[in-house]
């Protein structure tokens, strides 16, 4: 499955627009992990634990989007957009959503 953020694919022709596909991932933040991330995992203003969580959530969301497009018969997804949000009272959960247009290309 070819996945791109662009609205078209150079050298390929879109023959059919199937429709919007999406995937979401919500990952809860562990209070102990948060505590240790604040104390020991911050290097140069970056938190490895949070970065790993973001990568994991992004991978899950993209995989769900690809699975949905595959079920619909697409062989590519164009115009992909990734959105990141914190949800919950104190931002205790992280949500990543991936959205794009499933297409058939030649």
N, C-alpha and C. Protein backbone atom coordinates (compact mmCIF):
# COMPACT_ATOMS: atom_id res chain seq x y z
N UNK A 1 0.86 -1.19 0.00
CA UNK A 1 0.00 0.00 0.00
C UNK A 1 0.89 1.23 0.00
N UNK A 2 0.71 2.07 -1.00
CA UNK A 2 1.45 3.33 -1.07
C UNK A 2 0.68 4.38 -0.28
N UNK A 3 1.36 5.04 0.65
CA UNK A 3 0.73 6.03 1.51
C UNK A 3 1.52 7.33 1.39
N UNK A 4 0.82 8.42 1.08
CA UNK A 4 1.51 9.70 0.88
C UNK A 4 0.67 10.86 1.41
N UNK A 5 1.37 11.92 1.79
CA UNK A 5 0.68 13.12 2.25
C UNK A 5 0.28 14.02 1.09
N UNK A 6 0.79 13.73 -0.10
CA UNK A 6 0.48 14.55 -1.27
C UNK A 6 -0.87 14.16 -1.87
N UNK A 7 -1.50 15.06 -2.63
CA UNK A 7 -2.81 14.74 -3.20
C UNK A 7 -2.75 13.84 -4.42
N UNK A 8 -1.56 13.64 -4.96
CA UNK A 8 -1.40 12.74 -6.10
C UNK A 8 -0.04 12.06 -5.99
N UNK A 9 0.21 11.12 -6.91
CA UNK A 9 1.46 10.36 -6.88
C UNK A 9 2.13 10.53 -8.23
N UNK A 10 3.30 11.14 -8.21
CA UNK A 10 4.01 11.41 -9.46
C UNK A 10 4.25 10.11 -10.22
N UNK A 11 3.93 10.13 -11.50
CA UNK A 11 4.13 8.98 -12.35
C UNK A 11 3.01 7.95 -12.29
N UNK A 12 2.02 8.18 -11.45
CA UNK A 12 0.88 7.28 -11.33
C UNK A 12 -0.40 8.05 -11.64
N UNK A 13 -1.40 7.32 -12.11
CA UNK A 13 -2.69 7.94 -12.41
C UNK A 13 -3.73 7.37 -11.46
N UNK A 14 -4.46 8.24 -10.78
CA UNK A 14 -5.56 7.80 -9.92
C UNK A 14 -6.75 7.50 -10.81
N UNK A 15 -7.21 6.25 -10.77
CA UNK A 15 -8.33 5.85 -11.63
C UNK A 15 -9.65 5.82 -10.88
N UNK A 16 -9.59 5.74 -9.54
CA UNK A 16 -10.83 5.68 -8.77
C UNK A 16 -10.58 6.21 -7.36
N UNK A 17 -11.43 7.11 -6.93
CA UNK A 17 -11.41 7.60 -5.56
C UNK A 17 -12.43 6.79 -4.77
N UNK A 18 -11.94 6.03 -3.81
CA UNK A 18 -12.83 5.15 -3.04
C UNK A 18 -13.48 5.90 -1.89
N UNK A 19 -12.71 6.70 -1.18
CA UNK A 19 -13.28 7.48 -0.10
C UNK A 19 -12.35 7.67 1.07
N UNK A 20 -12.84 8.36 2.07
CA UNK A 20 -12.07 8.68 3.26
C UNK A 20 -11.81 7.43 4.08
N UNK A 21 -10.58 7.29 4.54
CA UNK A 21 -10.21 6.21 5.46
C UNK A 21 -9.50 6.84 6.65
N UNK A 22 -9.59 6.18 7.80
CA UNK A 22 -8.95 6.74 8.98
C UNK A 22 -8.54 5.64 9.94
N UNK A 23 -7.70 6.03 10.86
CA UNK A 23 -7.29 5.15 11.95
C UNK A 23 -6.98 6.00 13.16
N UNK A 24 -7.25 5.46 14.32
CA UNK A 24 -6.99 6.19 15.56
C UNK A 24 -6.28 5.30 16.55
N UNK A 25 -5.52 5.92 17.41
CA UNK A 25 -4.89 5.21 18.52
C UNK A 25 -4.92 6.13 19.73
N UNK A 26 -5.34 5.58 20.84
CA UNK A 26 -5.34 6.32 22.09
C UNK A 26 -4.47 5.55 23.07
N UNK A 27 -3.48 6.24 23.59
CA UNK A 27 -2.56 5.61 24.52
C UNK A 27 -2.62 6.37 25.83
N UNK A 28 -2.88 5.63 26.90
CA UNK A 28 -2.95 6.23 28.23
C UNK A 28 -1.56 6.46 28.78
N UNK A 29 -1.39 7.55 29.46
CA UNK A 29 -0.12 7.86 30.09
C UNK A 29 -0.12 7.27 31.49
N UNK A 30 0.88 6.50 31.80
CA UNK A 30 1.03 5.89 33.11
C UNK A 30 1.62 6.91 34.07
N UNK A 31 1.02 7.06 35.25
CA UNK A 31 1.50 8.06 36.19
C UNK A 31 2.94 7.81 36.62
N UNK A 32 3.33 6.56 36.82
CA UNK A 32 4.71 6.25 37.19
C UNK A 32 5.65 6.60 36.05
N UNK A 33 5.26 6.24 34.83
CA UNK A 33 6.08 6.57 33.66
C UNK A 33 6.23 8.08 33.55
N UNK A 34 5.12 8.82 33.75
CA UNK A 34 5.18 10.28 33.70
C UNK A 34 6.17 10.83 34.72
N UNK A 35 6.09 10.29 35.93
CA UNK A 35 6.96 10.77 37.00
C UNK A 35 8.42 10.56 36.64
N UNK A 36 8.76 9.35 36.22
CA UNK A 36 10.15 9.06 35.88
C UNK A 36 10.58 9.76 34.60
N UNK A 37 9.66 9.98 33.69
CA UNK A 37 10.00 10.72 32.47
C UNK A 37 10.42 12.13 32.83
N UNK A 38 9.73 12.72 33.81
CA UNK A 38 10.06 14.07 34.22
C UNK A 38 11.41 14.13 34.94
N UNK A 39 11.78 13.07 35.64
CA UNK A 39 13.01 13.10 36.44
C UNK A 39 14.22 12.55 35.68
N UNK A 40 14.08 11.36 35.10
CA UNK A 40 15.27 10.68 34.58
C UNK A 40 15.33 10.57 33.07
N UNK A 41 14.25 10.74 32.37
CA UNK A 41 14.24 10.45 30.94
C UNK A 41 14.38 11.70 30.09
N UNK A 42 14.46 12.86 30.67
CA UNK A 42 14.56 14.09 29.91
C UNK A 42 16.02 14.39 29.65
N UNK A 43 16.36 14.43 28.37
CA UNK A 43 17.72 14.75 27.96
C UNK A 43 17.64 15.85 26.93
N UNK A 44 18.21 16.98 27.24
CA UNK A 44 18.16 18.09 26.28
C UNK A 44 16.75 18.55 25.98
N UNK A 45 15.84 18.46 26.95
CA UNK A 45 14.46 18.90 26.75
C UNK A 45 13.58 17.89 26.04
N UNK A 46 14.08 16.65 25.85
CA UNK A 46 13.31 15.61 25.15
C UNK A 46 13.06 14.45 26.09
N UNK A 47 11.90 13.83 25.93
CA UNK A 47 11.56 12.67 26.74
C UNK A 47 11.45 11.45 25.84
N UNK A 48 12.36 10.50 26.01
CA UNK A 48 12.35 9.28 25.22
C UNK A 48 11.08 8.48 25.40
N UNK A 49 10.56 8.44 26.62
CA UNK A 49 9.33 7.67 26.88
C UNK A 49 8.16 8.25 26.11
N UNK A 50 8.02 9.56 26.10
CA UNK A 50 6.93 10.19 25.35
C UNK A 50 7.12 10.04 23.85
N UNK A 51 8.37 10.19 23.39
CA UNK A 51 8.63 10.04 21.96
C UNK A 51 8.31 8.63 21.50
N UNK A 52 8.66 7.62 22.30
CA UNK A 52 8.34 6.23 21.94
C UNK A 52 6.82 6.03 21.91
N UNK A 53 6.12 6.62 22.86
CA UNK A 53 4.65 6.53 22.87
C UNK A 53 4.04 7.15 21.63
N UNK A 54 4.56 8.30 21.21
CA UNK A 54 4.07 8.95 19.99
C UNK A 54 4.32 8.09 18.76
N UNK A 55 5.52 7.51 18.66
CA UNK A 55 5.83 6.65 17.51
C UNK A 55 4.90 5.45 17.47
N UNK A 56 4.66 4.85 18.63
CA UNK A 56 3.80 3.67 18.71
C UNK A 56 2.36 4.02 18.30
N UNK A 57 1.85 5.12 18.82
CA UNK A 57 0.48 5.53 18.50
C UNK A 57 0.36 5.87 17.02
N UNK A 58 1.36 6.54 16.45
CA UNK A 58 1.33 6.87 15.02
C UNK A 58 1.32 5.61 14.18
N UNK A 59 2.13 4.63 14.53
CA UNK A 59 2.17 3.37 13.77
C UNK A 59 0.84 2.65 13.82
N UNK A 60 0.20 2.62 14.97
CA UNK A 60 -1.10 1.96 15.12
C UNK A 60 -2.15 2.66 14.26
N UNK A 61 -2.19 3.99 14.33
CA UNK A 61 -3.18 4.76 13.57
C UNK A 61 -3.00 4.55 12.06
N UNK A 62 -1.76 4.58 11.59
CA UNK A 62 -1.51 4.38 10.15
C UNK A 62 -1.86 2.96 9.74
N UNK A 63 -1.53 1.98 10.57
CA UNK A 63 -1.86 0.59 10.24
C UNK A 63 -3.38 0.40 10.14
N UNK A 64 -4.14 0.99 11.06
CA UNK A 64 -5.60 0.89 11.00
C UNK A 64 -6.14 1.53 9.72
N UNK A 65 -5.57 2.67 9.34
CA UNK A 65 -6.00 3.35 8.12
C UNK A 65 -5.71 2.48 6.90
N UNK A 66 -4.52 1.88 6.84
CA UNK A 66 -4.15 1.01 5.73
C UNK A 66 -5.06 -0.22 5.69
N UNK A 67 -5.33 -0.81 6.84
CA UNK A 67 -6.22 -1.97 6.89
C UNK A 67 -7.61 -1.64 6.34
N UNK A 68 -8.13 -0.47 6.70
CA UNK A 68 -9.44 -0.06 6.20
C UNK A 68 -9.40 0.14 4.69
N UNK A 69 -8.36 0.78 4.17
CA UNK A 69 -8.24 0.99 2.73
C UNK A 69 -8.12 -0.33 1.99
N UNK A 70 -7.39 -1.27 2.55
CA UNK A 70 -7.22 -2.59 1.93
C UNK A 70 -8.56 -3.30 1.84
N UNK A 71 -9.36 -3.25 2.92
CA UNK A 71 -10.68 -3.88 2.91
C UNK A 71 -11.59 -3.27 1.84
N UNK A 72 -11.37 -1.99 1.53
CA UNK A 72 -12.19 -1.31 0.52
C UNK A 72 -11.67 -1.53 -0.90
N UNK A 73 -10.54 -2.21 -1.05
CA UNK A 73 -9.99 -2.51 -2.37
C UNK A 73 -9.01 -1.48 -2.91
N UNK A 74 -8.56 -0.56 -2.09
CA UNK A 74 -7.62 0.46 -2.54
C UNK A 74 -6.20 -0.11 -2.63
N UNK A 75 -5.37 0.54 -3.44
CA UNK A 75 -3.96 0.17 -3.47
C UNK A 75 -3.06 1.35 -3.13
N UNK A 76 -3.68 2.48 -2.72
CA UNK A 76 -2.92 3.64 -2.28
C UNK A 76 -3.82 4.54 -1.42
N UNK A 77 -3.16 5.38 -0.62
CA UNK A 77 -3.87 6.39 0.17
C UNK A 77 -3.15 7.71 -0.06
N UNK A 78 -3.89 8.72 -0.48
CA UNK A 78 -3.31 10.04 -0.73
C UNK A 78 -3.87 11.06 0.26
N UNK A 79 -3.17 12.19 0.36
CA UNK A 79 -3.63 13.29 1.20
C UNK A 79 -3.66 12.94 2.68
N UNK A 80 -2.73 12.12 3.14
CA UNK A 80 -2.73 11.68 4.54
C UNK A 80 -2.38 12.84 5.46
N UNK A 81 -3.14 12.93 6.55
CA UNK A 81 -2.92 13.95 7.58
C UNK A 81 -2.88 13.25 8.92
N UNK A 82 -1.88 13.58 9.74
CA UNK A 82 -1.77 13.03 11.09
C UNK A 82 -2.09 14.14 12.08
N UNK A 83 -2.93 13.84 13.05
CA UNK A 83 -3.28 14.80 14.09
C UNK A 83 -2.96 14.19 15.45
N UNK A 84 -2.45 15.02 16.35
CA UNK A 84 -2.09 14.59 17.70
C UNK A 84 -2.87 15.45 18.69
N UNK A 85 -3.47 14.78 19.70
CA UNK A 85 -4.22 15.51 20.73
C UNK A 85 -4.03 14.83 22.07
N UNK A 86 -4.08 15.62 23.13
CA UNK A 86 -4.16 15.04 24.46
C UNK A 86 -5.61 15.12 24.89
N UNK A 87 -6.07 14.08 25.55
CA UNK A 87 -7.44 14.06 26.03
C UNK A 87 -7.43 13.63 27.49
N UNK A 88 -8.49 13.91 28.17
CA UNK A 88 -8.58 13.60 29.59
C UNK A 88 -8.37 14.87 30.39
N UNK A 89 -8.72 14.79 31.65
CA UNK A 89 -8.68 15.95 32.53
C UNK A 89 -7.34 16.66 32.58
N UNK A 90 -6.27 15.91 32.71
CA UNK A 90 -4.95 16.53 32.80
C UNK A 90 -4.07 16.11 31.63
N UNK A 91 -4.71 15.85 30.48
CA UNK A 91 -3.95 15.41 29.32
C UNK A 91 -3.35 14.04 29.55
N UNK A 92 -4.10 13.19 30.26
CA UNK A 92 -3.56 11.90 30.67
C UNK A 92 -3.57 10.86 29.56
N UNK A 93 -4.14 11.19 28.42
CA UNK A 93 -4.15 10.25 27.30
C UNK A 93 -3.73 10.99 26.04
N UNK A 94 -3.11 10.23 25.15
CA UNK A 94 -2.66 10.79 23.88
C UNK A 94 -3.43 10.11 22.77
N UNK A 95 -3.99 10.92 21.86
CA UNK A 95 -4.70 10.37 20.71
C UNK A 95 -4.00 10.80 19.43
N UNK A 96 -3.77 9.84 18.57
CA UNK A 96 -3.22 10.11 17.25
C UNK A 96 -4.24 9.63 16.23
N UNK A 97 -4.58 10.47 15.27
CA UNK A 97 -5.49 10.05 14.20
C UNK A 97 -4.81 10.26 12.85
N UNK A 98 -5.04 9.31 11.97
CA UNK A 98 -4.51 9.36 10.60
C UNK A 98 -5.71 9.33 9.66
N UNK A 99 -5.77 10.28 8.73
CA UNK A 99 -6.87 10.38 7.78
C UNK A 99 -6.32 10.57 6.38
N UNK A 100 -6.97 9.94 5.41
CA UNK A 100 -6.54 10.08 4.03
C UNK A 100 -7.64 9.62 3.09
N UNK A 101 -7.36 9.69 1.79
CA UNK A 101 -8.31 9.27 0.77
C UNK A 101 -7.79 7.99 0.13
N UNK A 102 -8.59 6.93 0.21
CA UNK A 102 -8.25 5.66 -0.41
C UNK A 102 -8.52 5.77 -1.90
N UNK A 103 -7.55 5.31 -2.70
CA UNK A 103 -7.67 5.42 -4.15
C UNK A 103 -7.14 4.14 -4.81
N UNK A 104 -7.44 4.03 -6.09
CA UNK A 104 -6.84 2.99 -6.92
C UNK A 104 -5.97 3.71 -7.93
N UNK A 105 -4.72 3.29 -8.01
CA UNK A 105 -3.79 3.92 -8.95
C UNK A 105 -3.32 2.90 -9.99
N UNK A 106 -2.90 3.41 -11.14
CA UNK A 106 -2.31 2.59 -12.21
C UNK A 106 -0.88 3.03 -12.41
